[in-house]
Amino acid sequence: MEKDEQPDSYFVLTNSSNEDIFIHSKISNNTVGLDYFPASPTDIVSVGKKYNQPISNISFKDGNKLWILVYKQSTLDSHTWQEIKDQGLYDKRYDFTLEQLKAINYEIVYTGN
């Protein structure tokens, strides 16, 4: 195996929306929903800022994907964490294979839509 086939990397999520966002992320071969995250998200991405999260390309074996759940500040302000979990109130869900991440150069832009 060549050295650069499995480099450690980062994904970058840019918040291009008009409000702060919070995120959860996980690499898994199962569909990731709110039940994977017992606590509310603590990773905040302010408007216009970038969030860098290290990932290891080797983690994508066996059909694993990178799952990201995004919550707007307004969603967290208007609902309890229990309501968000019970009603599935995340604002955006991404799921990426390693090939898909490579195709977008590990850069994700959240626009609020």
PDB file of N, CA and C in Angstrom:
ATOM      1  N   MET A   1       0.840  -1.179   0.000  1.00  0.00           N
ATOM      2  CA  MET A   1       0.000   0.000   0.000  1.00  0.00           C
ATOM      3  C   MET A   1       0.882   1.239   0.000  1.00  0.00           C
ATOM      4  N   GLU A   2       0.588   2.152  -0.867  1.00  0.00           N
ATOM      5  CA  GLU A   2       1.366   3.381  -0.926  1.00  0.00           C
ATOM      6  C   GLU A   2       1.039   4.259   0.266  1.00  0.00           C
ATOM      7  N   LYS A   3       2.016   5.006   0.678  1.00  0.00           N
ATOM      8  CA  LYS A   3       1.870   5.836   1.873  1.00  0.00           C
ATOM      9  C   LYS A   3       0.692   6.798   1.788  1.00  0.00           C
ATOM     10  N   ASP A   4       0.471   7.415   0.637  1.00  0.00           N
ATOM     11  CA  ASP A   4      -0.561   8.451   0.559  1.00  0.00           C
ATOM     12  C   ASP A   4      -1.956   7.902   0.279  1.00  0.00           C
ATOM     13  N   GLU A   5      -2.136   6.572   0.260  1.00  0.00           N
ATOM     14  CA  GLU A   5      -3.467   6.017   0.025  1.00  0.00           C
ATOM     15  C   GLU A   5      -4.388   6.227   1.216  1.00  0.00           C
ATOM     16  N   GLN A   6      -3.824   6.331   2.413  1.00  0.00           N
ATOM     17  CA  GLN A   6      -4.649   6.469   3.606  1.00  0.00           C
ATOM     18  C   GLN A   6      -4.123   7.588   4.508  1.00  0.00           C
ATOM     19  N   PRO A   7      -3.991   8.784   3.981  1.00  0.00           N
ATOM     20  CA  PRO A   7      -3.484   9.857   4.840  1.00  0.00           C
ATOM     21  C   PRO A   7      -4.532  10.274   5.849  1.00  0.00           C
ATOM     22  N   ASP A   8      -4.078  10.724   7.006  1.00  0.00           N
ATOM     23  CA  ASP A   8      -5.029  11.336   7.924  1.00  0.00           C
ATOM     24  C   ASP A   8      -5.420  12.664   7.321  1.00  0.00           C
ATOM     25  N   SER A   9      -6.675  13.028   7.466  1.00  0.00           N
ATOM     26  CA  SER A   9      -7.203  14.218   6.814  1.00  0.00           C
ATOM     27  C   SER A   9      -8.106  14.977   7.749  1.00  0.00           C
ATOM     28  N   TYR A  10      -8.638  16.043   7.221  1.00  0.00           N
ATOM     29  CA  TYR A  10      -9.646  16.839   7.897  1.00  0.00           C
ATOM     30  C   TYR A  10     -10.792  17.036   6.929  1.00  0.00           C
ATOM     31  N   PHE A  11     -11.997  17.098   7.478  1.00  0.00           N
ATOM     32  CA  PHE A  11     -13.058  17.668   6.666  1.00  0.00           C
ATOM     33  C   PHE A  11     -13.269  19.072   7.192  1.00  0.00           C
ATOM     34  N   VAL A  12     -13.675  19.948   6.312  1.00  0.00           N
ATOM     35  CA  VAL A  12     -13.906  21.346   6.665  1.00  0.00           C
ATOM     36  C   VAL A  12     -15.358  21.660   6.368  1.00  0.00           C
ATOM     37  N   LEU A  13     -16.075  22.180   7.356  1.00  0.00           N
ATOM     38  CA  LEU A  13     -17.450  22.598   7.164  1.00  0.00           C
ATOM     39  C   LEU A  13     -17.484  24.107   7.333  1.00  0.00           C
ATOM     40  N   THR A  14     -17.920  24.806   6.297  1.00  0.00           N
ATOM     41  CA  THR A  14     -18.024  26.267   6.325  1.00  0.00           C
ATOM     42  C   THR A  14     -19.474  26.653   6.549  1.00  0.00           C
ATOM     43  N   ASN A  15     -19.691  27.538   7.494  1.00  0.00           N
ATOM     44  CA  ASN A  15     -21.044  28.017   7.774  1.00  0.00           C
ATOM     45  C   ASN A  15     -21.312  29.278   6.957  1.00  0.00           C
ATOM     46  N   SER A  16     -22.020  29.109   5.850  1.00  0.00           N
ATOM     47  CA  SER A  16     -22.395  30.242   4.997  1.00  0.00           C
ATOM     48  C   SER A  16     -23.844  30.660   5.216  1.00  0.00           C
ATOM     49  N   SER A  17     -24.442  30.202   6.313  1.00  0.00           N
ATOM     50  CA  SER A  17     -25.824  30.582   6.608  1.00  0.00           C
ATOM     51  C   SER A  17     -25.837  31.910   7.355  1.00  0.00           C
ATOM     52  N   ASN A  18     -27.020  32.331   7.768  1.00  0.00           N
ATOM     53  CA  ASN A  18     -27.133  33.612   8.453  1.00  0.00           C
ATOM     54  C   ASN A  18     -27.267  33.472   9.974  1.00  0.00           C
ATOM     55  N   GLU A  19     -26.955  32.260  10.505  1.00  0.00           N
ATOM     56  CA  GLU A  19     -26.953  32.093  11.957  1.00  0.00           C
ATOM     57  C   GLU A  19     -25.944  31.019  12.352  1.00  0.00           C
ATOM     58  N   ASP A  20     -25.537  31.066  13.619  1.00  0.00           N
ATOM     59  CA  ASP A  20     -24.606  30.072  14.122  1.00  0.00           C
ATOM     60  C   ASP A  20     -25.236  28.688  14.029  1.00  0.00           C
ATOM     61  N   ILE A  21     -24.373  27.686  13.844  1.00  0.00           N
ATOM     62  CA  ILE A  21     -24.841  26.304  13.787  1.00  0.00           C
ATOM     63  C   ILE A  21     -24.033  25.456  14.761  1.00  0.00           C
ATOM     64  N   PHE A  22     -24.625  24.344  15.126  1.00  0.00           N
ATOM     65  CA  PHE A  22     -23.972  23.352  15.964  1.00  0.00           C
ATOM     66  C   PHE A  22     -23.984  22.045  15.197  1.00  0.00           C
ATOM     67  N   ILE A  23     -22.957  21.216  15.411  1.00  0.00           N
ATOM     68  CA  ILE A  23     -22.901  19.971  14.648  1.00  0.00           C
ATOM     69  C   ILE A  23     -22.538  18.781  15.524  1.00  0.00           C
ATOM     70  N   HIS A  24     -23.005  17.632  15.082  1.00  0.00           N
ATOM     71  CA  HIS A  24     -22.578  16.323  15.547  1.00  0.00           C
ATOM     72  C   HIS A  24     -21.990  15.626  14.327  1.00  0.00           C
ATOM     73  N   SER A  25     -20.937  14.851  14.507  1.00  0.00           N
ATOM     74  CA  SER A  25     -20.425  14.057  13.396  1.00  0.00           C
ATOM     75  C   SER A  25     -19.995  12.692  13.905  1.00  0.00           C
ATOM     76  N   LYS A  26     -20.078  11.710  13.016  1.00  0.00           N
ATOM     77  CA  LYS A  26     -19.716  10.338  13.367  1.00  0.00           C
ATOM     78  C   LYS A  26     -19.419   9.591  12.074  1.00  0.00           C
ATOM     79  N   ILE A  27     -18.481   8.661  12.144  1.00  0.00           N
ATOM     80  CA  ILE A  27     -18.217   7.762  11.022  1.00  0.00           C
ATOM     81  C   ILE A  27     -18.802   6.408  11.393  1.00  0.00           C
ATOM     82  N   SER A  28     -19.697   5.915  10.535  1.00  0.00           N
ATOM     83  CA  SER A  28     -20.402   4.666  10.824  1.00  0.00           C
ATOM     84  C   SER A  28     -20.905   4.058   9.530  1.00  0.00           C
ATOM     85  N   ASN A  29     -21.151   2.727   9.557  1.00  0.00           N
ATOM     86  CA  ASN A  29     -21.760   2.091   8.383  1.00  0.00           C
ATOM     87  C   ASN A  29     -23.265   1.939   8.568  1.00  0.00           C
ATOM     88  N   ASN A  30     -23.803   2.457   9.658  1.00  0.00           N
ATOM     89  CA  ASN A  30     -25.244   2.496   9.894  1.00  0.00           C
ATOM     90  C   ASN A  30     -25.749   3.913   9.663  1.00  0.00           C
ATOM     91  N   THR A  31     -27.025   4.035   9.357  1.00  0.00           N
ATOM     92  CA  THR A  31     -27.619   5.361   9.252  1.00  0.00           C
ATOM     93  C   THR A  31     -27.565   6.015  10.624  1.00  0.00           C
ATOM     94  N   VAL A  32     -27.006   7.194  10.677  1.00  0.00           N
ATOM     95  CA  VAL A  32     -26.837   7.888  11.950  1.00  0.00           C
ATOM     96  C   VAL A  32     -27.984   8.884  12.118  1.00  0.00           C
ATOM     97  N   GLY A  33     -28.654   8.751  13.223  1.00  0.00           N
ATOM     98  CA  GLY A  33     -29.727   9.676  13.568  1.00  0.00           C
ATOM     99  C   GLY A  33     -29.457  10.262  14.943  1.00  0.00           C
ATOM    100  N   LEU A  34     -30.434  10.932  15.463  1.00  0.00           N
ATOM    101  CA  LEU A  34     -30.273  11.600  16.747  1.00  0.00           C
ATOM    102  C   LEU A  34     -30.042  10.636  17.898  1.00  0.00           C
ATOM    103  N   ASP A  35     -30.480   9.382  17.757  1.00  0.00           N
ATOM    104  CA  ASP A  35     -30.293   8.416  18.829  1.00  0.00           C
ATOM    105  C   ASP A  35     -28.816   8.093  19.064  1.00  0.00           C
ATOM    106  N   TYR A  36     -27.943   8.420  18.125  1.00  0.00           N
ATOM    107  CA  TYR A  36     -26.508   8.206  18.307  1.00  0.00           C
ATOM    108  C   TYR A  36     -25.883   9.250  19.221  1.00  0.00           C
ATOM    109  N   PHE A  37     -26.575  10.336  19.470  1.00  0.00           N
ATOM    110  CA  PHE A  37     -26.005  11.460  20.202  1.00  0.00           C
ATOM    111  C   PHE A  37     -26.847  11.756  21.438  1.00  0.00           C
ATOM    112  N   PRO A  38     -26.437  11.241  22.599  1.00  0.00           N
ATOM    113  CA  PRO A  38     -27.256  11.433  23.798  1.00  0.00           C
ATOM    114  C   PRO A  38     -27.302  12.875  24.291  1.00  0.00           C
ATOM    115  N   ALA A  39     -26.291  13.640  24.012  1.00  0.00           N
ATOM    116  CA  ALA A  39     -26.236  15.021  24.501  1.00  0.00           C
ATOM    117  C   ALA A  39     -26.344  15.996  23.339  1.00  0.00           C
ATOM    118  N   SER A  40     -26.785  17.205  23.655  1.00  0.00           N
ATOM    119  CA  SER A  40     -26.882  18.229  22.620  1.00  0.00           C
ATOM    120  C   SER A  40     -25.494  18.549  22.082  1.00  0.00           C
ATOM    121  N   PRO A  41     -25.409  19.031  20.850  1.00  0.00           N
ATOM    122  CA  PRO A  41     -24.104  19.281  20.239  1.00  0.00           C
ATOM    123  C   PRO A  41     -23.377  20.439  20.912  1.00  0.00           C
ATOM    124  N   THR A  42     -22.070  20.303  20.990  1.00  0.00           N
ATOM    125  CA  THR A  42     -21.250  21.360  21.588  1.00  0.00           C
ATOM    126  C   THR A  42     -20.314  22.008  20.575  1.00  0.00           C
ATOM    127  N   ASP A  43     -20.183  21.411  19.400  1.00  0.00           N
ATOM    128  CA  ASP A  43     -19.312  21.974  18.373  1.00  0.00           C
ATOM    129  C   ASP A  43     -20.066  23.068  17.628  1.00  0.00           C
ATOM    130  N   ILE A  44     -19.656  24.308  17.832  1.00  0.00           N
ATOM    131  CA  ILE A  44     -20.336  25.460  17.236  1.00  0.00           C
ATOM    132  C   ILE A  44     -19.509  25.982  16.069  1.00  0.00           C
ATOM    133  N   VAL A  45     -20.216  26.407  15.028  1.00  0.00           N
ATOM    134  CA  VAL A  45     -19.581  27.045  13.875  1.00  0.00           C
ATOM    135  C   VAL A  45     -20.292  28.378  13.683  1.00  0.00           C
ATOM    136  N   SER A  46     -19.615  29.443  13.989  1.00  0.00           N
ATOM    137  CA  SER A  46     -20.200  30.772  13.860  1.00  0.00           C
ATOM    138  C   SER A  46     -20.388  31.140  12.395  1.00  0.00           C
ATOM    139  N   VAL A  47     -21.253  32.099  12.151  1.00  0.00           N
ATOM    140  CA  VAL A  47     -21.526  32.573  10.793  1.00  0.00           C
ATOM    141  C   VAL A  47     -20.212  32.984  10.124  1.00  0.00           C
ATOM    142  N   GLY A  48     -19.991  32.474   8.920  1.00  0.00           N
ATOM    143  CA  GLY A  48     -18.799  32.823   8.159  1.00  0.00           C
ATOM    144  C   GLY A  48     -17.535  32.095   8.575  1.00  0.00           C
ATOM    145  N   LYS A  49     -17.611  31.219   9.559  1.00  0.00           N
ATOM    146  CA  LYS A  49     -16.420  30.510  10.060  1.00  0.00           C
ATOM    147  C   LYS A  49     -16.354  29.099   9.503  1.00  0.00           C
ATOM    148  N   LYS A  50     -15.182  28.496   9.673  1.00  0.00           N
ATOM    149  CA  LYS A  50     -14.937  27.126   9.230  1.00  0.00           C
ATOM    150  C   LYS A  50     -14.704  26.238  10.442  1.00  0.00           C
ATOM    151  N   TYR A  51     -15.164  25.008  10.333  1.00  0.00           N
ATOM    152  CA  TYR A  51     -14.970  23.994  11.363  1.00  0.00           C
ATOM    153  C   TYR A  51     -14.108  22.901  10.754  1.00  0.00           C
ATOM    154  N   ASN A  52     -12.984  22.615  11.378  1.00  0.00           N
ATOM    155  CA  ASN A  52     -12.079  21.570  10.902  1.00  0.00           C
ATOM    156  C   ASN A  52     -12.164  20.386  11.849  1.00  0.00           C
ATOM    157  N   GLN A  53     -12.427  19.214  11.303  1.00  0.00           N
ATOM    158  CA  GLN A  53     -12.525  18.006  12.122  1.00  0.00           C
ATOM    159  C   GLN A  53     -11.597  16.947  11.537  1.00  0.00           C
ATOM    160  N   PRO A  54     -10.648  16.454  12.324  1.00  0.00           N
ATOM    161  CA  PRO A  54      -9.772  15.401  11.802  1.00  0.00           C
ATOM    162  C   PRO A  54     -10.535  14.107  11.573  1.00  0.00           C
ATOM    163  N   ILE A  55     -10.202  13.441  10.487  1.00  0.00           N
ATOM    164  CA  ILE A  55     -10.739  12.114  10.190  1.00  0.00           C
ATOM    165  C   ILE A  55      -9.607  11.280   9.621  1.00  0.00           C
ATOM    166  N   SER A  56      -9.700   9.991   9.803  1.00  0.00           N
ATOM    167  CA  SER A  56      -8.721   9.079   9.232  1.00  0.00           C
ATOM    168  C   SER A  56      -9.372   8.336   8.079  1.00  0.00           C
ATOM    169  N   ASN A  57      -8.755   8.385   6.929  1.00  0.00           N
ATOM    170  CA  ASN A  57      -9.331   7.734   5.756  1.00  0.00           C
ATOM    171  C   ASN A  57      -9.534   6.238   5.970  1.00  0.00           C
ATOM    172  N   ILE A  58      -8.717   5.628   6.814  1.00  0.00           N
ATOM    173  CA  ILE A  58      -8.856   4.194   7.062  1.00  0.00           C
ATOM    174  C   ILE A  58     -10.177   3.884   7.768  1.00  0.00           C
ATOM    175  N   SER A  59     -10.766   4.870   8.409  1.00  0.00           N
ATOM    176  CA  SER A  59     -12.041   4.679   9.110  1.00  0.00           C
ATOM    177  C   SER A  59     -13.193   4.394   8.153  1.00  0.00           C
ATOM    178  N   PHE A  60     -12.992   4.608   6.859  1.00  0.00           N
ATOM    179  CA  PHE A  60     -14.064   4.453   5.882  1.00  0.00           C
ATOM    180  C   PHE A  60     -14.168   3.038   5.318  1.00  0.00           C
ATOM    181  N   LYS A  61     -13.399   2.109   5.847  1.00  0.00           N
ATOM    182  CA  LYS A  61     -13.507   0.735   5.355  1.00  0.00           C
ATOM    183  C   LYS A  61     -14.853   0.144   5.764  1.00  0.00           C
ATOM    184  N   ASP A  62     -15.227  -0.945   5.167  1.00  0.00           N
ATOM    185  CA  ASP A  62     -16.463  -1.669   5.491  1.00  0.00           C
ATOM    186  C   ASP A  62     -17.726  -0.844   5.254  1.00  0.00           C
ATOM    187  N   GLY A  63     -17.699   0.051   4.285  1.00  0.00           N
ATOM    188  CA  GLY A  63     -18.896   0.807   3.936  1.00  0.00           C
ATOM    189  C   GLY A  63     -19.223   1.963   4.862  1.00  0.00           C
ATOM    190  N   ASN A  64     -18.282   2.338   5.707  1.00  0.00           N
ATOM    191  CA  ASN A  64     -18.528   3.462   6.610  1.00  0.00           C
ATOM    192  C   ASN A  64     -18.680   4.763   5.842  1.00  0.00           C
ATOM    193  N   LYS A  65     -19.486   5.650   6.398  1.00  0.00           N
ATOM    194  CA  LYS A  65     -19.687   6.994   5.857  1.00  0.00           C
ATOM    195  C   LYS A  65     -19.461   8.004   6.978  1.00  0.00           C
ATOM    196  N   LEU A  66     -19.171   9.224   6.578  1.00  0.00           N
ATOM    197  CA  LEU A  66     -19.149  10.340   7.508  1.00  0.00           C
ATOM    198  C   LEU A  66     -20.558  10.907   7.561  1.00  0.00           C
ATOM    199  N   TRP A  67     -21.134  10.943   8.751  1.00  0.00           N
ATOM    200  CA  TRP A  67     -22.474  11.491   8.974  1.00  0.00           C
ATOM    201  C   TRP A  67     -22.323  12.777   9.758  1.00  0.00           C
ATOM    202  N   ILE A  68     -23.007  13.806   9.322  1.00  0.00           N
ATOM    203  CA  ILE A  68     -22.983  15.099  10.018  1.00  0.00           C
ATOM    204  C   ILE A  68     -24.417  15.575  10.185  1.00  0.00           C
ATOM    205  N   LEU A  69     -24.782  15.908  11.411  1.00  0.00           N
ATOM    206  CA  LEU A  69     -26.079  16.511  11.689  1.00  0.00           C
ATOM    207  C   LEU A  69     -25.835  17.963  12.067  1.00  0.00           C
ATOM    208  N   VAL A  70     -26.609  18.863  11.449  1.00  0.00           N
ATOM    209  CA  VAL A  70     -26.456  20.305  11.670  1.00  0.00           C
ATOM    210  C   VAL A  70     -27.729  20.827  12.334  1.00  0.00           C
ATOM    211  N   TYR A  71     -27.528  21.663  13.343  1.00  0.00           N
ATOM    212  CA  TYR A  71     -28.637  22.294  14.059  1.00  0.00           C
ATOM    213  C   TYR A  71     -28.407  23.798  14.049  1.00  0.00           C
ATOM    214  N   LYS A  72     -29.412  24.549  13.633  1.00  0.00           N
ATOM    215  CA  LYS A  72     -29.328  26.011  13.695  1.00  0.00           C
ATOM    216  C   LYS A  72     -29.489  26.461  15.147  1.00  0.00           C
ATOM    217  N   GLN A  73     -28.903  27.606  15.455  1.00  0.00           N
ATOM    218  CA  GLN A  73     -29.064  28.188  16.778  1.00  0.00           C
ATOM    219  C   GLN A  73     -30.542  28.363  17.113  1.00  0.00           C
ATOM    220  N   SER A  74     -31.329  28.807  16.139  1.00  0.00           N
ATOM    221  CA  SER A  74     -32.752  29.039  16.385  1.00  0.00           C
ATOM    222  C   SER A  74     -33.495  27.745  16.738  1.00  0.00           C
ATOM    223  N   THR A  75     -33.073  26.623  16.183  1.00  0.00           N
ATOM    224  CA  THR A  75     -33.688  25.335  16.519  1.00  0.00           C
ATOM    225  C   THR A  75     -33.386  24.976  17.970  1.00  0.00           C
ATOM    226  N   LEU A  76     -32.130  25.148  18.373  1.00  0.00           N
ATOM    227  CA  LEU A  76     -31.751  24.836  19.758  1.00  0.00           C
ATOM    228  C   LEU A  76     -32.389  25.809  20.750  1.00  0.00           C
ATOM    229  N   ASP A  77     -32.623  27.043  20.309  1.00  0.00           N
ATOM    230  CA  ASP A  77     -33.248  28.037  21.188  1.00  0.00           C
ATOM    231  C   ASP A  77     -34.744  27.786  21.383  1.00  0.00           C
ATOM    232  N   SER A  78     -35.394  27.204  20.393  1.00  0.00           N
ATOM    233  CA  SER A  78     -36.853  27.077  20.448  1.00  0.00           C
ATOM    234  C   SER A  78     -37.344  25.685  20.855  1.00  0.00           C
ATOM    235  N   HIS A  79     -36.428  24.738  21.065  1.00  0.00           N
ATOM    236  CA  HIS A  79     -36.806  23.375  21.443  1.00  0.00           C
ATOM    237  C   HIS A  79     -35.839  22.830  22.481  1.00  0.00           C
ATOM    238  N   THR A  80     -36.346  21.966  23.357  1.00  0.00           N
ATOM    239  CA  THR A  80     -35.451  21.263  24.272  1.00  0.00           C
ATOM    240  C   THR A  80     -34.706  20.190  23.486  1.00  0.00           C
ATOM    241  N   TRP A  81     -33.598  19.710  24.047  1.00  0.00           N
ATOM    242  CA  TRP A  81     -32.854  18.647  23.379  1.00  0.00           C
ATOM    243  C   TRP A  81     -33.732  17.400  23.249  1.00  0.00           C
ATOM    244  N   GLN A  82     -34.545  17.125  24.245  1.00  0.00           N
ATOM    245  CA  GLN A  82     -35.429  15.964  24.176  1.00  0.00           C
ATOM    246  C   GLN A  82     -36.430  16.108  23.027  1.00  0.00           C
ATOM    247  N   GLU A  83     -36.992  17.289  22.840  1.00  0.00           N
ATOM    248  CA  GLU A  83     -37.909  17.517  21.714  1.00  0.00           C
ATOM    249  C   GLU A  83     -37.193  17.327  20.383  1.00  0.00           C
ATOM    250  N   ILE A  84     -35.980  17.836  20.300  1.00  0.00           N
ATOM    251  CA  ILE A  84     -35.203  17.706  19.064  1.00  0.00           C
ATOM    252  C   ILE A  84     -34.964  16.234  18.750  1.00  0.00           C
ATOM    253  N   LYS A  85     -34.573  15.459  19.768  1.00  0.00           N
ATOM    254  CA  LYS A  85     -34.339  14.025  19.561  1.00  0.00           C
ATOM    255  C   LYS A  85     -35.627  13.300  19.197  1.00  0.00           C
ATOM    256  N   ASP A  86     -36.692  13.550  19.958  1.00  0.00           N
ATOM    257  CA  ASP A  86     -37.951  12.835  19.747  1.00  0.00           C
ATOM    258  C   ASP A  86     -38.565  13.143  18.381  1.00  0.00           C
ATOM    259  N   GLN A  87     -38.411  14.372  17.918  1.00  0.00           N
ATOM    260  CA  GLN A  87     -39.044  14.794  16.670  1.00  0.00           C
ATOM    261  C   GLN A  87     -38.089  14.830  15.477  1.00  0.00           C
ATOM    262  N   GLY A  88     -36.818  14.472  15.695  1.00  0.00           N
ATOM    263  CA  GLY A  88     -35.848  14.474  14.601  1.00  0.00           C
ATOM    264  C   GLY A  88     -35.664  15.842  13.983  1.00  0.00           C
ATOM    265  N   LEU A  89     -35.441  16.850  14.819  1.00  0.00           N
ATOM    266  CA  LEU A  89     -35.459  18.241  14.356  1.00  0.00           C
ATOM    267  C   LEU A  89     -34.101  18.808  13.934  1.00  0.00           C
ATOM    268  N   TYR A  90     -33.186  17.984  13.473  1.00  0.00           N
ATOM    269  CA  TYR A  90     -31.956  18.573  12.938  1.00  0.00           C
ATOM    270  C   TYR A  90     -32.301  19.344  11.673  1.00  0.00           C
ATOM    271  N   ASP A  91     -31.464  20.324  11.341  1.00  0.00           N
ATOM    272  CA  ASP A  91     -31.750  21.178  10.187  1.00  0.00           C
ATOM    273  C   ASP A  91     -31.152  20.646   8.890  1.00  0.00           C
ATOM    274  N   LYS A  92     -30.119  19.821   8.991  1.00  0.00           N
ATOM    275  CA  LYS A  92     -29.497  19.251   7.784  1.00  0.00           C
ATOM    276  C   LYS A  92     -28.757  17.992   8.198  1.00  0.00           C
ATOM    277  N   ARG A  93     -28.820  16.970   7.359  1.00  0.00           N
ATOM    278  CA  ARG A  93     -28.023  15.765   7.575  1.00  0.00           C
ATOM    279  C   ARG A  93     -27.219  15.498   6.315  1.00  0.00           C
ATOM    280  N   TYR A  94     -25.934  15.305   6.503  1.00  0.00           N
ATOM    281  CA  TYR A  94     -25.047  14.936   5.402  1.00  0.00           C
ATOM    282  C   TYR A  94     -24.566  13.514   5.638  1.00  0.00           C
ATOM    283  N   ASP A  95     -24.372  12.773   4.565  1.00  0.00           N
ATOM    284  CA  ASP A  95     -23.670  11.504   4.652  1.00  0.00           C
ATOM    285  C   ASP A  95     -22.767  11.383   3.431  1.00  0.00           C
ATOM    286  N   PHE A  96     -21.502  11.122   3.705  1.00  0.00           N
ATOM    287  CA  PHE A  96     -20.489  11.087   2.650  1.00  0.00           C
ATOM    288  C   PHE A  96     -19.666   9.814   2.727  1.00  0.00           C
ATOM    289  N   THR A  97     -19.451   9.194   1.579  1.00  0.00           N
ATOM    290  CA  THR A  97     -18.445   8.149   1.477  1.00  0.00           C
ATOM    291  C   THR A  97     -17.091   8.836   1.346  1.00  0.00           C
ATOM    292  N   LEU A  98     -16.031   8.074   1.489  1.00  0.00           N
ATOM    293  CA  LEU A  98     -14.699   8.642   1.311  1.00  0.00           C
ATOM    294  C   LEU A  98     -14.541   9.201  -0.101  1.00  0.00           C
ATOM    295  N   GLU A  99     -15.065   8.497  -1.091  1.00  0.00           N
ATOM    296  CA  GLU A  99     -14.957   8.965  -2.478  1.00  0.00           C
ATOM    297  C   GLU A  99     -15.689  10.290  -2.671  1.00  0.00           C
ATOM    298  N   GLN A 100     -16.855  10.421  -2.057  1.00  0.00           N
ATOM    299  CA  GLN A 100     -17.605  11.677  -2.155  1.00  0.00           C
ATOM    300  C   GLN A 100     -16.855  12.827  -1.482  1.00  0.00           C
ATOM    301  N   LEU A 101     -16.247  12.555  -0.343  1.00  0.00           N
ATOM    302  CA  LEU A 101     -15.463  13.596   0.333  1.00  0.00           C
ATOM    303  C   LEU A 101     -14.268  14.021  -0.518  1.00  0.00           C
ATOM    304  N   LYS A 102     -13.591  13.048  -1.100  1.00  0.00           N
ATOM    305  CA  LYS A 102     -12.451  13.373  -1.964  1.00  0.00           C
ATOM    306  C   LYS A 102     -12.898  14.232  -3.149  1.00  0.00           C
ATOM    307  N   ALA A 103     -14.081  13.917  -3.716  1.00  0.00           N
ATOM    308  CA  ALA A 103     -14.587  14.649  -4.882  1.00  0.00           C
ATOM    309  C   ALA A 103     -14.859  16.115  -4.563  1.00  0.00           C
ATOM    310  N   ILE A 104     -15.180  16.415  -3.305  1.00  0.00           N
ATOM    311  CA  ILE A 104     -15.424  17.809  -2.914  1.00  0.00           C
ATOM    312  C   ILE A 104     -14.252  18.376  -2.120  1.00  0.00           C
ATOM    313  N   ASN A 105     -13.112  17.676  -2.205  1.00  0.00           N
ATOM    314  CA  ASN A 105     -11.878  18.111  -1.549  1.00  0.00           C
ATOM    315  C   ASN A 105     -12.066  18.280  -0.039  1.00  0.00           C
ATOM    316  N   TYR A 106     -12.897  17.421   0.545  1.00  0.00           N
ATOM    317  CA  TYR A 106     -13.155  17.404   1.992  1.00  0.00           C
ATOM    318  C   TYR A 106     -13.769  18.706   2.494  1.00  0.00           C
ATOM    319  N   GLU A 107     -14.381  19.486   1.617  1.00  0.00           N
ATOM    320  CA  GLU A 107     -14.949  20.784   2.008  1.00  0.00           C
ATOM    321  C   GLU A 107     -16.466  20.778   1.821  1.00  0.00           C
ATOM    322  N   ILE A 108     -17.169  21.062   2.899  1.00  0.00           N
ATOM    323  CA  ILE A 108     -18.631  21.085   2.924  1.00  0.00           C
ATOM    324  C   ILE A 108     -19.047  22.511   3.236  1.00  0.00           C
ATOM    325  N   VAL A 109     -20.024  23.022   2.506  1.00  0.00           N
ATOM    326  CA  VAL A 109     -20.522  24.372   2.762  1.00  0.00           C
ATOM    327  C   VAL A 109     -21.978  24.268   3.158  1.00  0.00           C
ATOM    328  N   TYR A 110     -22.277  24.722   4.373  1.00  0.00           N
ATOM    329  CA  TYR A 110     -23.659  24.766   4.842  1.00  0.00           C
ATOM    330  C   TYR A 110     -24.220  26.143   4.580  1.00  0.00           C
ATOM    331  N   THR A 111     -25.303  26.192   3.776  1.00  0.00           N
ATOM    332  CA  THR A 111     -25.884  27.479   3.374  1.00  0.00           C
ATOM    333  C   THR A 111     -27.151  27.820   4.137  1.00  0.00           C
ATOM    334  N   GLY A 112     -27.649  26.879   4.935  1.00  0.00           N
ATOM    335  CA  GLY A 112     -28.894  27.104   5.659  1.00  0.00           C
ATOM    336  C   GLY A 112     -30.078  26.468   4.971  1.00  0.00           C
ATOM    337  N   ASN A 113     -29.878  25.926   3.799  1.00  0.00           N
ATOM    338  CA  ASN A 113     -30.949  25.258   3.054  1.00  0.00           C
ATOM    339  C   ASN A 113     -30.827  23.754   3.159  1.00  0.00           C
TER     340      ASN A 113
END
